[in-house]
Every structure is written in structure tokens, then in C-alpha cells.
Amino acid sequence: MDKDLPSFRRISVGAVTVLATALAFLAPSRSIAATATAPMAVTATVQSACIVAVTPLAFGTYDPTSGSVKDGASTVTVTCTSGTSFTVGLNAGSTSGATVTTRQMINGSNRLNYAL
């Protein structure tokens, strides 16, 4: 052999064959691995739930000497899980002395009646 050749060139053909065979066994092969599939059951129980969102009701500026009715608008949005029934009902509110039909806003000792 020529002594000027790099040492890796001196490997015999038999050693290369053994090395290639060993690497082939270590490398992943599609022919060795198999894929199996099966259906998987998935279940969930969804509880009934509702979310209520309300926009503020603003009557704007009210002149108590005008005697005219002041209108305002608000939106009540109810979002429930599928199949959940609901009923929207309004109570008298949090002001003492108010009723469902005659609600009251209060500012100190001043009260202002309103209806929905």
C-alpha cells in the first residue's frame, strides 16, 4: 500500500461490509416498524350553564319640571349551553321601597322612580 494515502483508505472491503451491516440493523426501518390503529371512545357530559350580560341603562339628563317621559335602552343577552332553557325575570332591584313595577334610583335621600 502507498504510505501517502490517508489511513481511512486502508480499511479492507470486509471491514466496510461488516460496518455497513451493523449500521443497517441500528437504523430505523419502515419494514420493521408496524402501525396499528383502533377507534378510541371519547365522552363528555356538558353541564347546563348560562351567562347573562346586560348593557347599562342610561336615561340621560332628566328634567323633573318637564313632565315628559324619558326613554332609555339596554340589552340583556343570555347565552346558554345547547338545549338549556331559561327565563328572564327582573326583580325590584336593590333600592329599599322599590317594586317590580316601580323601580327607584337613589342619590342620598333623593329618589327617582322609573319603570321597565
PDB file of N, CA and C in Angstrom:
ATOM      1  N   MET A   1       0.831  -1.188   0.000  1.00  0.00           N
ATOM      2  CA  MET A   1       0.000   0.000   0.000  1.00  0.00           C
ATOM      3  C   MET A   1       0.862   1.233   0.000  1.00  0.00           C
ATOM      4  N   ASP A   2       0.287   2.273  -0.519  1.00  0.00           N
ATOM      5  CA  ASP A   2       1.009   3.527  -0.593  1.00  0.00           C
ATOM      6  C   ASP A   2       0.951   4.193   0.761  1.00  0.00           C
ATOM      7  N   LYS A   3       2.085   4.543   1.336  1.00  0.00           N
ATOM      8  CA  LYS A   3       2.096   5.137   2.654  1.00  0.00           C
ATOM      9  C   LYS A   3       1.609   6.571   2.666  1.00  0.00           C
ATOM     10  N   ASP A   4       1.423   7.232   1.495  1.00  0.00           N
ATOM     11  CA  ASP A   4       0.918   8.598   1.437  1.00  0.00           C
ATOM     12  C   ASP A   4      -0.603   8.649   1.484  1.00  0.00           C
ATOM     13  N   LEU A   5      -1.289   7.531   1.372  1.00  0.00           N
ATOM     14  CA  LEU A   5      -2.739   7.514   1.403  1.00  0.00           C
ATOM     15  C   LEU A   5      -3.225   7.691   2.841  1.00  0.00           C
ATOM     16  N   PRO A   6      -4.334   8.380   3.033  1.00  0.00           N
ATOM     17  CA  PRO A   6      -4.861   8.533   4.392  1.00  0.00           C
ATOM     18  C   PRO A   6      -5.238   7.172   4.959  1.00  0.00           C
ATOM     19  N   SER A   7      -5.234   7.070   6.273  1.00  0.00           N
ATOM     20  CA  SER A   7      -5.447   5.787   6.930  1.00  0.00           C
ATOM     21  C   SER A   7      -6.844   5.228   6.696  1.00  0.00           C
ATOM     22  N   PHE A   8      -7.849   6.062   6.484  1.00  0.00           N
ATOM     23  CA  PHE A   8      -9.193   5.526   6.276  1.00  0.00           C
ATOM     24  C   PHE A   8      -9.315   4.787   4.962  1.00  0.00           C
ATOM     25  N   ARG A   9      -8.421   4.986   4.064  1.00  0.00           N
ATOM     26  CA  ARG A   9      -8.447   4.275   2.794  1.00  0.00           C
ATOM     27  C   ARG A   9      -7.892   2.861   2.941  1.00  0.00           C
ATOM     28  N   ARG A  10      -7.275   2.579   4.029  1.00  0.00           N
ATOM     29  CA  ARG A  10      -6.641   1.280   4.221  1.00  0.00           C
ATOM     30  C   ARG A  10      -7.599   0.242   4.787  1.00  0.00           C
ATOM     31  N   ILE A  11      -8.846   0.622   5.032  1.00  0.00           N
ATOM     32  CA  ILE A  11      -9.820  -0.316   5.572  1.00  0.00           C
ATOM     33  C   ILE A  11     -10.134  -1.348   4.505  1.00  0.00           C
ATOM     34  N   SER A  12     -10.200  -2.563   4.908  1.00  0.00           N
ATOM     35  CA  SER A  12     -10.454  -3.627   3.941  1.00  0.00           C
ATOM     36  C   SER A  12     -11.925  -3.648   3.568  1.00  0.00           C
ATOM     37  N   VAL A  13     -12.232  -4.223   2.439  1.00  0.00           N
ATOM     38  CA  VAL A  13     -13.595  -4.347   1.956  1.00  0.00           C
ATOM     39  C   VAL A  13     -14.428  -5.155   2.926  1.00  0.00           C
ATOM     40  N   GLY A  14     -13.907  -6.131   3.558  1.00  0.00           N
ATOM     41  CA  GLY A  14     -14.620  -6.955   4.530  1.00  0.00           C
ATOM     42  C   GLY A  14     -15.028  -6.142   5.750  1.00  0.00           C
ATOM     43  N   ALA A  15     -14.170  -5.249   6.225  1.00  0.00           N
ATOM     44  CA  ALA A  15     -14.495  -4.418   7.382  1.00  0.00           C
ATOM     45  C   ALA A  15     -15.610  -3.434   7.038  1.00  0.00           C
ATOM     46  N   VAL A  16     -15.604  -2.902   5.823  1.00  0.00           N
ATOM     47  CA  VAL A  16     -16.650  -1.982   5.385  1.00  0.00           C
ATOM     48  C   VAL A  16     -17.980  -2.716   5.316  1.00  0.00           C
ATOM     49  N   THR A  17     -17.983  -3.924   4.842  1.00  0.00           N
ATOM     50  CA  THR A  17     -19.209  -4.713   4.754  1.00  0.00           C
ATOM     51  C   THR A  17     -19.774  -4.982   6.143  1.00  0.00           C
ATOM     52  N   VAL A  18     -18.938  -5.331   7.095  1.00  0.00           N
ATOM     53  CA  VAL A  18     -19.384  -5.582   8.463  1.00  0.00           C
ATOM     54  C   VAL A  18     -19.939  -4.297   9.072  1.00  0.00           C
ATOM     55  N   LEU A  19     -19.252  -3.179   8.859  1.00  0.00           N
ATOM     56  CA  LEU A  19     -19.704  -1.891   9.389  1.00  0.00           C
ATOM     57  C   LEU A  19     -21.053  -1.491   8.774  1.00  0.00           C
ATOM     58  N   ALA A  20     -21.231  -1.635   7.494  1.00  0.00           N
ATOM     59  CA  ALA A  20     -22.487  -1.296   6.828  1.00  0.00           C
ATOM     60  C   ALA A  20     -23.618  -2.183   7.315  1.00  0.00           C
ATOM     61  N   THR A  21     -23.344  -3.452   7.528  1.00  0.00           N
ATOM     62  CA  THR A  21     -24.361  -4.375   8.021  1.00  0.00           C
ATOM     63  C   THR A  21     -24.778  -3.999   9.443  1.00  0.00           C
ATOM     64  N   ALA A  22     -23.842  -3.621  10.285  1.00  0.00           N
ATOM     65  CA  ALA A  22     -24.152  -3.224  11.661  1.00  0.00           C
ATOM     66  C   ALA A  22     -24.992  -1.950  11.679  1.00  0.00           C
ATOM     67  N   LEU A  23     -24.660  -0.982  10.838  1.00  0.00           N
ATOM     68  CA  LEU A  23     -25.429   0.268  10.766  1.00  0.00           C
ATOM     69  C   LEU A  23     -26.850   0.023  10.248  1.00  0.00           C
ATOM     70  N   ALA A  24     -27.000  -0.895   9.359  1.00  0.00           N
ATOM     71  CA  ALA A  24     -28.334  -1.206   8.824  1.00  0.00           C
ATOM     72  C   ALA A  24     -29.250  -1.745   9.922  1.00  0.00           C
ATOM     73  N   PHE A  25     -28.700  -2.524  10.840  1.00  0.00           N
ATOM     74  CA  PHE A  25     -29.514  -3.038  11.938  1.00  0.00           C
ATOM     75  C   PHE A  25     -29.859  -1.967  12.959  1.00  0.00           C
ATOM     76  N   LEU A  26     -28.983  -0.987  13.102  1.00  0.00           N
ATOM     77  CA  LEU A  26     -29.222   0.077  14.070  1.00  0.00           C
ATOM     78  C   LEU A  26     -30.154   1.162  13.529  1.00  0.00           C
ATOM     79  N   ALA A  27     -30.188   1.363  12.255  1.00  0.00           N
ATOM     80  CA  ALA A  27     -31.013   2.420  11.652  1.00  0.00           C
ATOM     81  C   ALA A  27     -32.481   1.995  11.673  1.00  0.00           C
ATOM     82  N   PRO A  28     -33.396   2.938  11.911  1.00  0.00           N
ATOM     83  CA  PRO A  28     -34.823   2.601  11.879  1.00  0.00           C
ATOM     84  C   PRO A  28     -35.234   2.191  10.468  1.00  0.00           C
ATOM     85  N   SER A  29     -36.125   1.270  10.416  1.00  0.00           N
ATOM     86  CA  SER A  29     -36.567   0.768   9.124  1.00  0.00           C
ATOM     87  C   SER A  29     -38.082   0.699   9.102  1.00  0.00           C
ATOM     88  N   ARG A  30     -38.674   1.114   7.994  1.00  0.00           N
ATOM     89  CA  ARG A  30     -40.127   1.041   7.844  1.00  0.00           C
ATOM     90  C   ARG A  30     -40.603  -0.407   7.771  1.00  0.00           C
ATOM     91  N   SER A  31     -39.772  -1.260   7.299  1.00  0.00           N
ATOM     92  CA  SER A  31     -40.199  -2.651   7.181  1.00  0.00           C
ATOM     93  C   SER A  31     -40.253  -3.344   8.541  1.00  0.00           C
ATOM     94  N   ILE A  32     -39.515  -2.834   9.530  1.00  0.00           N
ATOM     95  CA  ILE A  32     -39.526  -3.446  10.854  1.00  0.00           C
ATOM     96  C   ILE A  32     -40.694  -2.917  11.687  1.00  0.00           C
ATOM     97  N   ALA A  33     -40.947  -1.601  11.622  1.00  0.00           N
ATOM     98  CA  ALA A  33     -41.999  -0.992  12.432  1.00  0.00           C
ATOM     99  C   ALA A  33     -43.362  -1.198  11.773  1.00  0.00           C
ATOM    100  N   ALA A  34     -44.382  -1.367  12.600  1.00  0.00           N
ATOM    101  CA  ALA A  34     -45.747  -1.513  12.109  1.00  0.00           C
ATOM    102  C   ALA A  34     -46.634  -0.476  12.787  1.00  0.00           C
ATOM    103  N   THR A  35     -47.671  -0.068  12.103  1.00  0.00           N
ATOM    104  CA  THR A  35     -48.613   0.891  12.664  1.00  0.00           C
ATOM    105  C   THR A  35     -49.952   0.200  12.842  1.00  0.00           C
ATOM    106  N   ALA A  36     -50.498   0.339  14.039  1.00  0.00           N
ATOM    107  CA  ALA A  36     -51.821  -0.231  14.316  1.00  0.00           C
ATOM    108  C   ALA A  36     -52.741   0.906  14.732  1.00  0.00           C
ATOM    109  N   THR A  37     -53.960   0.877  14.251  1.00  0.00           N
ATOM    110  CA  THR A  37     -54.937   1.895  14.626  1.00  0.00           C
ATOM    111  C   THR A  37     -56.180   1.234  15.175  1.00  0.00           C
ATOM    112  N   ALA A  38     -56.844   1.966  16.059  1.00  0.00           N
ATOM    113  CA  ALA A  38     -58.100   1.482  16.625  1.00  0.00           C
ATOM    114  C   ALA A  38     -58.906   2.696  17.053  1.00  0.00           C
ATOM    115  N   PRO A  39     -60.224   2.617  16.991  1.00  0.00           N
ATOM    116  CA  PRO A  39     -61.031   3.752  17.447  1.00  0.00           C
ATOM    117  C   PRO A  39     -60.922   3.933  18.963  1.00  0.00           C
ATOM    118  N   MET A  40     -60.967   5.179  19.395  1.00  0.00           N
ATOM    119  CA  MET A  40     -60.917   5.485  20.819  1.00  0.00           C
ATOM    120  C   MET A  40     -62.216   6.210  21.171  1.00  0.00           C
ATOM    121  N   ALA A  41     -62.943   5.699  22.148  1.00  0.00           N
ATOM    122  CA  ALA A  41     -64.197   6.332  22.568  1.00  0.00           C
ATOM    123  C   ALA A  41     -63.885   7.582  23.382  1.00  0.00           C
ATOM    124  N   VAL A  42     -64.575   8.667  23.078  1.00  0.00           N
ATOM    125  CA  VAL A  42     -64.402   9.927  23.800  1.00  0.00           C
ATOM    126  C   VAL A  42     -65.786  10.406  24.224  1.00  0.00           C
ATOM    127  N   THR A  43     -65.955  10.697  25.509  1.00  0.00           N
ATOM    128  CA  THR A  43     -67.243  11.165  26.001  1.00  0.00           C
ATOM    129  C   THR A  43     -67.050  12.369  26.905  1.00  0.00           C
ATOM    130  N   ALA A  44     -68.093  13.144  27.044  1.00  0.00           N
ATOM    131  CA  ALA A  44     -68.103  14.287  27.965  1.00  0.00           C
ATOM    132  C   ALA A  44     -69.545  14.582  28.335  1.00  0.00           C
ATOM    133  N   THR A  45     -69.748  14.989  29.553  1.00  0.00           N
ATOM    134  CA  THR A  45     -71.054  15.437  30.000  1.00  0.00           C
ATOM    135  C   THR A  45     -70.971  16.944  30.175  1.00  0.00           C
ATOM    136  N   VAL A  46     -71.774  17.670  29.426  1.00  0.00           N
ATOM    137  CA  VAL A  46     -71.753  19.132  29.479  1.00  0.00           C
ATOM    138  C   VAL A  46     -72.853  19.591  30.425  1.00  0.00           C
ATOM    139  N   GLN A  47     -72.466  20.295  31.474  1.00  0.00           N
ATOM    140  CA  GLN A  47     -73.445  20.787  32.433  1.00  0.00           C
ATOM    141  C   GLN A  47     -74.200  21.967  31.832  1.00  0.00           C
ATOM    142  N   SER A  48     -75.450  22.100  32.226  1.00  0.00           N
ATOM    143  CA  SER A  48     -76.246  23.248  31.800  1.00  0.00           C
ATOM    144  C   SER A  48     -75.688  24.498  32.463  1.00  0.00           C
ATOM    145  N   ALA A  49     -75.491  25.525  31.666  1.00  0.00           N
ATOM    146  CA  ALA A  49     -74.958  26.778  32.203  1.00  0.00           C
ATOM    147  C   ALA A  49     -75.407  27.929  31.315  1.00  0.00           C
ATOM    148  N   CYS A  50     -75.597  29.078  31.937  1.00  0.00           N
ATOM    149  CA  CYS A  50     -75.958  30.287  31.206  1.00  0.00           C
ATOM    150  C   CYS A  50     -75.097  31.452  31.679  1.00  0.00           C
ATOM    151  N   ILE A  51     -74.815  32.344  30.774  1.00  0.00           N
ATOM    152  CA  ILE A  51     -74.115  33.586  31.089  1.00  0.00           C
ATOM    153  C   ILE A  51     -75.048  34.725  30.712  1.00  0.00           C
ATOM    154  N   VAL A  52     -75.249  35.655  31.642  1.00  0.00           N
ATOM    155  CA  VAL A  52     -76.122  36.801  31.405  1.00  0.00           C
ATOM    156  C   VAL A  52     -75.249  38.050  31.346  1.00  0.00           C
ATOM    157  N   ALA A  53     -75.426  38.827  30.293  1.00  0.00           N
ATOM    158  CA  ALA A  53     -74.706  40.095  30.143  1.00  0.00           C
ATOM    159  C   ALA A  53     -75.732  41.197  29.893  1.00  0.00           C
ATOM    160  N   VAL A  54     -75.555  42.328  30.563  1.00  0.00           N
ATOM    161  CA  VAL A  54     -76.502  43.436  30.450  1.00  0.00           C
ATOM    162  C   VAL A  54     -75.724  44.720  30.196  1.00  0.00           C
ATOM    163  N   THR A  55     -76.175  45.491  29.217  1.00  0.00           N
ATOM    164  CA  THR A  55     -75.563  46.798  28.993  1.00  0.00           C
ATOM    165  C   THR A  55     -76.198  47.806  29.944  1.00  0.00           C
ATOM    166  N   PRO A  56     -75.479  48.860  30.322  1.00  0.00           N
ATOM    167  CA  PRO A  56     -76.043  49.857  31.237  1.00  0.00           C
ATOM    168  C   PRO A  56     -77.281  50.541  30.643  1.00  0.00           C
ATOM    169  N   LEU A  57     -78.220  50.872  31.507  1.00  0.00           N
ATOM    170  CA  LEU A  57     -79.433  51.604  31.108  1.00  0.00           C
ATOM    171  C   LEU A  57     -79.235  53.056  31.523  1.00  0.00           C
ATOM    172  N   ALA A  58     -79.118  53.919  30.533  1.00  0.00           N
ATOM    173  CA  ALA A  58     -78.887  55.345  30.811  1.00  0.00           C
ATOM    174  C   ALA A  58     -80.059  56.156  30.254  1.00  0.00           C
ATOM    175  N   PHE A  59     -80.722  56.880  31.124  1.00  0.00           N
ATOM    176  CA  PHE A  59     -81.835  57.731  30.708  1.00  0.00           C
ATOM    177  C   PHE A  59     -81.356  59.111  30.239  1.00  0.00           C
ATOM    178  N   GLY A  60     -80.112  59.405  30.436  1.00  0.00           N
ATOM    179  CA  GLY A  60     -79.601  60.716  30.045  1.00  0.00           C
ATOM    180  C   GLY A  60     -80.007  61.769  31.062  1.00  0.00           C
ATOM    181  N   THR A  61     -80.087  63.019  30.631  1.00  0.00           N
ATOM    182  CA  THR A  61     -80.452  64.125  31.520  1.00  0.00           C
ATOM    183  C   THR A  61     -81.960  64.179  31.685  1.00  0.00           C
ATOM    184  N   TYR A  62     -82.407  64.234  32.925  1.00  0.00           N
ATOM    185  CA  TYR A  62     -83.842  64.250  33.230  1.00  0.00           C
ATOM    186  C   TYR A  62     -84.206  65.590  33.858  1.00  0.00           C
ATOM    187  N   ASP A  63     -85.226  66.231  33.328  1.00  0.00           N
ATOM    188  CA  ASP A  63     -85.742  67.498  33.872  1.00  0.00           C
ATOM    189  C   ASP A  63     -87.056  67.203  34.582  1.00  0.00           C
ATOM    190  N   PRO A  64     -87.064  67.219  35.909  1.00  0.00           N
ATOM    191  CA  PRO A  64     -88.281  66.852  36.648  1.00  0.00           C
ATOM    192  C   PRO A  64     -89.424  67.851  36.452  1.00  0.00           C
ATOM    193  N   THR A  65     -89.162  69.027  35.935  1.00  0.00           N
ATOM    194  CA  THR A  65     -90.234  70.009  35.723  1.00  0.00           C
ATOM    195  C   THR A  65     -90.891  69.875  34.357  1.00  0.00           C
ATOM    196  N   SER A  66     -90.318  69.061  33.480  1.00  0.00           N
ATOM    197  CA  SER A  66     -90.858  68.963  32.118  1.00  0.00           C
ATOM    198  C   SER A  66     -92.134  68.125  32.055  1.00  0.00           C
ATOM    199  N   GLY A  67     -92.263  67.130  32.914  1.00  0.00           N
ATOM    200  CA  GLY A  67     -93.442  66.274  32.892  1.00  0.00           C
ATOM    201  C   GLY A  67     -93.443  65.281  31.740  1.00  0.00           C
ATOM    202  N   SER A  68     -92.399  65.270  30.912  1.00  0.00           N
ATOM    203  CA  SER A  68     -92.364  64.326  29.786  1.00  0.00           C
ATOM    204  C   SER A  68     -91.635  63.045  30.199  1.00  0.00           C
ATOM    205  N   VAL A  69     -91.987  61.972  29.537  1.00  0.00           N
ATOM    206  CA  VAL A  69     -91.382  60.661  29.794  1.00  0.00           C
ATOM    207  C   VAL A  69     -89.996  60.632  29.161  1.00  0.00           C
ATOM    208  N   LYS A  70     -89.067  60.047  29.842  1.00  0.00           N
ATOM    209  CA  LYS A  70     -87.700  59.903  29.338  1.00  0.00           C
ATOM    210  C   LYS A  70     -87.454  58.435  29.041  1.00  0.00           C
ATOM    211  N   ASP A  71     -87.089  58.123  27.807  1.00  0.00           N
ATOM    212  CA  ASP A  71     -86.829  56.729  27.418  1.00  0.00           C
ATOM    213  C   ASP A  71     -85.333  56.433  27.447  1.00  0.00           C
ATOM    214  N   GLY A  72     -85.024  55.187  27.676  1.00  0.00           N
ATOM    215  CA  GLY A  72     -83.647  54.692  27.632  1.00  0.00           C
ATOM    216  C   GLY A  72     -83.671  53.285  27.068  1.00  0.00           C
ATOM    217  N   ALA A  73     -82.515  52.766  26.745  1.00  0.00           N
ATOM    218  CA  ALA A  73     -82.442  51.416  26.172  1.00  0.00           C
ATOM    219  C   ALA A  73     -81.271  50.651  26.782  1.00  0.00           C
ATOM    220  N   SER A  74     -81.478  49.369  26.917  1.00  0.00           N
ATOM    221  CA  SER A  74     -80.455  48.464  27.415  1.00  0.00           C
ATOM    222  C   SER A  74     -80.654  47.126  26.712  1.00  0.00           C
ATOM    223  N   THR A  75     -79.635  46.314  26.693  1.00  0.00           N
ATOM    224  CA  THR A  75     -79.726  44.994  26.072  1.00  0.00           C
ATOM    225  C   THR A  75     -79.375  43.929  27.098  1.00  0.00           C
ATOM    226  N   VAL A  76     -80.230  42.926  27.197  1.00  0.00           N
ATOM    227  CA  VAL A  76     -79.972  41.768  28.042  1.00  0.00           C
ATOM    228  C   VAL A  76     -79.667  40.609  27.098  1.00  0.00           C
ATOM    229  N   THR A  77     -78.496  40.016  27.256  1.00  0.00           N
ATOM    230  CA  THR A  77     -78.091  38.891  26.415  1.00  0.00           C
ATOM    231  C   THR A  77     -77.888  37.668  27.304  1.00  0.00           C
ATOM    232  N   VAL A  78     -78.551  36.579  26.945  1.00  0.00           N
ATOM    233  CA  VAL A  78     -78.410  35.328  27.676  1.00  0.00           C
ATOM    234  C   VAL A  78     -77.817  34.304  26.722  1.00  0.00           C
ATOM    235  N   THR A  79     -76.702  33.714  27.109  1.00  0.00           N
ATOM    236  CA  THR A  79     -76.046  32.684  26.312  1.00  0.00           C
ATOM    237  C   THR A  79     -75.976  31.419  27.157  1.00  0.00           C
ATOM    238  N   CYS A  80     -76.610  30.345  26.650  1.00  0.00           N
ATOM    239  CA  CYS A  80     -76.667  29.090  27.412  1.00  0.00           C
ATOM    240  C   CYS A  80     -76.079  27.946  26.592  1.00  0.00           C
ATOM    241  N   THR A  81     -75.709  26.889  27.293  1.00  0.00           N
ATOM    242  CA  THR A  81     -75.281  25.682  26.609  1.00  0.00           C
ATOM    243  C   THR A  81     -76.459  25.135  25.801  1.00  0.00           C
ATOM    244  N   SER A  82     -76.144  24.420  24.759  1.00  0.00           N
ATOM    245  CA  SER A  82     -77.160  23.894  23.853  1.00  0.00           C
ATOM    246  C   SER A  82     -78.194  23.063  24.609  1.00  0.00           C
ATOM    247  N   GLY A  83     -79.469  23.348  24.367  1.00  0.00           N
ATOM    248  CA  GLY A  83     -80.559  22.592  24.985  1.00  0.00           C
ATOM    249  C   GLY A  83     -80.974  23.095  26.355  1.00  0.00           C
ATOM    250  N   THR A  84     -80.329  24.127  26.866  1.00  0.00           N
ATOM    251  CA  THR A  84     -80.677  24.660  28.183  1.00  0.00           C
ATOM    252  C   THR A  84     -81.745  25.726  28.028  1.00  0.00           C
ATOM    253  N   SER A  85     -82.881  25.529  28.686  1.00  0.00           N
ATOM    254  CA  SER A  85     -83.945  26.532  28.620  1.00  0.00           C
ATOM    255  C   SER A  85     -83.752  27.544  29.739  1.00  0.00           C
ATOM    256  N   PHE A  86     -84.260  28.749  29.537  1.00  0.00           N
ATOM    257  CA  PHE A  86     -84.112  29.793  30.552  1.00  0.00           C
ATOM    258  C   PHE A  86     -85.290  30.753  30.475  1.00  0.00           C
ATOM    259  N   THR A  87     -85.481  31.475  31.541  1.00  0.00           N
ATOM    260  CA  THR A  87     -86.489  32.524  31.618  1.00  0.00           C
ATOM    261  C   THR A  87     -85.813  33.764  32.193  1.00  0.00           C
ATOM    262  N   VAL A  88     -86.069  34.908  31.577  1.00  0.00           N
ATOM    263  CA  VAL A  88     -85.526  36.162  32.090  1.00  0.00           C
ATOM    264  C   VAL A  88     -86.599  36.808  32.953  1.00  0.00           C
ATOM    265  N   GLY A  89     -86.234  37.125  34.168  1.00  0.00           N
ATOM    266  CA  GLY A  89     -87.145  37.803  35.080  1.00  0.00           C
ATOM    267  C   GLY A  89     -86.408  38.923  35.795  1.00  0.00           C
ATOM    268  N   LEU A  90     -87.096  40.002  36.079  1.00  0.00           N
ATOM    269  CA  LEU A  90     -86.479  41.134  36.763  1.00  0.00           C
ATOM    270  C   LEU A  90     -87.107  41.296  38.136  1.00  0.00           C
ATOM    271  N   ASN A  91     -86.276  41.596  39.123  1.00  0.00           N
ATOM    272  CA  ASN A  91     -86.808  41.830  40.459  1.00  0.00           C
ATOM    273  C   ASN A  91     -86.917  43.337  40.710  1.00  0.00           C
ATOM    274  N   ALA A  92     -87.190  43.725  41.915  1.00  0.00           N
ATOM    275  CA  ALA A  92     -87.400  45.141  42.239  1.00  0.00           C
ATOM    276  C   ALA A  92     -86.105  45.940  42.288  1.00  0.00           C
ATOM    277  N   GLY A  93     -84.982  45.277  42.251  1.00  0.00           N
ATOM    278  CA  GLY A  93     -83.715  45.982  42.351  1.00  0.00           C
ATOM    279  C   GLY A  93     -83.252  46.067  43.784  1.00  0.00           C
ATOM    280  N   SER A  94     -82.235  46.870  44.026  1.00  0.00           N
ATOM    281  CA  SER A  94     -81.618  46.906  45.360  1.00  0.00           C
ATOM    282  C   SER A  94     -82.026  48.108  46.201  1.00  0.00           C
ATOM    283  N   THR A  95     -82.855  49.001  45.659  1.00  0.00           N
ATOM    284  CA  THR A  95     -83.278  50.170  46.439  1.00  0.00           C
ATOM    285  C   THR A  95     -84.457  49.799  47.325  1.00  0.00           C
ATOM    286  N   SER A  96     -84.332  50.075  48.600  1.00  0.00           N
ATOM    287  CA  SER A  96     -85.399  49.782  49.551  1.00  0.00           C
ATOM    288  C   SER A  96     -86.653  50.580  49.190  1.00  0.00           C
ATOM    289  N   GLY A  97     -87.806  49.915  49.148  1.00  0.00           N
ATOM    290  CA  GLY A  97     -89.064  50.581  48.830  1.00  0.00           C
ATOM    291  C   GLY A  97     -89.470  50.469  47.372  1.00  0.00           C
ATOM    292  N   ALA A  98     -88.565  49.995  46.506  1.00  0.00           N
ATOM    293  CA  ALA A  98     -88.894  49.820  45.089  1.00  0.00           C
ATOM    294  C   ALA A  98     -89.719  48.547  44.912  1.00  0.00           C
ATOM    295  N   THR A  99     -90.473  48.486  43.823  1.00  0.00           N
ATOM    296  CA  THR A  99     -91.238  47.286  43.471  1.00  0.00           C
ATOM    297  C   THR A  99     -90.854  46.877  42.057  1.00  0.00           C
ATOM    298  N   VAL A 100     -91.371  45.736  41.621  1.00  0.00           N
ATOM    299  CA  VAL A 100     -91.064  45.276  40.262  1.00  0.00           C
ATOM    300  C   VAL A 100     -91.606  46.257  39.228  1.00  0.00           C
ATOM    301  N   THR A 101     -92.756  46.842  39.478  1.00  0.00           N
ATOM    302  CA  THR A 101     -93.338  47.773  38.504  1.00  0.00           C
ATOM    303  C   THR A 101     -92.848  49.217  38.687  1.00  0.00           C
ATOM    304  N   THR A 102     -92.463  49.581  39.882  1.00  0.00           N
ATOM    305  CA  THR A 102     -91.941  50.931  40.130  1.00  0.00           C
ATOM    306  C   THR A 102     -90.570  50.808  40.781  1.00  0.00           C
ATOM    307  N   ARG A 103     -89.564  50.861  39.952  1.00  0.00           N
ATOM    308  CA  ARG A 103     -88.192  50.799  40.441  1.00  0.00           C
ATOM    309  C   ARG A 103     -87.764  52.186  40.894  1.00  0.00           C
ATOM    310  N   GLN A 104     -86.668  52.240  41.623  1.00  0.00           N
ATOM    311  CA  GLN A 104     -86.189  53.531  42.107  1.00  0.00           C
ATOM    312  C   GLN A 104     -84.676  53.629  42.014  1.00  0.00           C
ATOM    313  N   MET A 105     -84.234  54.808  41.550  1.00  0.00           N
ATOM    314  CA  MET A 105     -82.826  55.170  41.658  1.00  0.00           C
ATOM    315  C   MET A 105     -82.719  56.056  42.877  1.00  0.00           C
ATOM    316  N   ILE A 106     -81.594  55.965  43.559  1.00  0.00           N
ATOM    317  CA  ILE A 106     -81.435  56.762  44.773  1.00  0.00           C
ATOM    318  C   ILE A 106     -80.082  57.470  44.747  1.00  0.00           C
ATOM    319  N   ASN A 107     -80.111  58.715  45.209  1.00  0.00           N
ATOM    320  CA  ASN A 107     -78.891  59.505  45.344  1.00  0.00           C
ATOM    321  C   ASN A 107     -79.008  60.251  46.670  1.00  0.00           C
ATOM    322  N   GLY A 108     -78.361  59.733  47.683  1.00  0.00           N
ATOM    323  CA  GLY A 108     -78.534  60.302  49.024  1.00  0.00           C
ATOM    324  C   GLY A 108     -79.952  60.031  49.502  1.00  0.00           C
ATOM    325  N   SER A 109     -80.686  61.101  49.807  1.00  0.00           N
ATOM    326  CA  SER A 109     -82.096  60.931  50.197  1.00  0.00           C
ATOM    327  C   SER A 109     -83.050  61.185  49.036  1.00  0.00           C
ATOM    328  N   ASN A 110     -82.516  61.494  47.872  1.00  0.00           N
ATOM    329  CA  ASN A 110     -83.347  61.748  46.677  1.00  0.00           C
ATOM    330  C   ASN A 110     -83.634  60.449  45.941  1.00  0.00           C
ATOM    331  N   ARG A 111     -84.899  60.268  45.543  1.00  0.00           N
ATOM    332  CA  ARG A 111     -85.328  59.076  44.819  1.00  0.00           C
ATOM    333  C   ARG A 111     -85.964  59.474  43.492  1.00  0.00           C
ATOM    334  N   LEU A 112     -85.725  58.661  42.489  1.00  0.00           N
ATOM    335  CA  LEU A 112     -86.342  58.888  41.188  1.00  0.00           C
ATOM    336  C   LEU A 112     -86.950  57.574  40.734  1.00  0.00           C
ATOM    337  N   ASN A 113     -88.259  57.553  40.557  1.00  0.00           N
ATOM    338  CA  ASN A 113     -88.966  56.350  40.116  1.00  0.00           C
ATOM    339  C   ASN A 113     -88.748  56.134  38.614  1.00  0.00           C
ATOM    340  N   TYR A 114     -88.714  54.885  38.220  1.00  0.00           N
ATOM    341  CA  TYR A 114     -88.655  54.547  36.794  1.00  0.00           C
ATOM    342  C   TYR A 114     -89.297  53.188  36.602  1.00  0.00           C
ATOM    343  N   ALA A 115     -89.662  52.891  35.375  1.00  0.00           N
ATOM    344  CA  ALA A 115     -90.302  51.618  35.042  1.00  0.00           C
ATOM    345  C   ALA A 115     -89.592  50.996  33.842  1.00  0.00           C
ATOM    346  N   LEU A 116     -89.664  49.697  33.806  1.00  0.00           N
ATOM    347  CA  LEU A 116     -89.088  48.962  32.662  1.00  0.00           C
ATOM    348  C   LEU A 116     -90.199  48.332  31.869  1.00  0.00           C
TER     349      LEU A 116
END
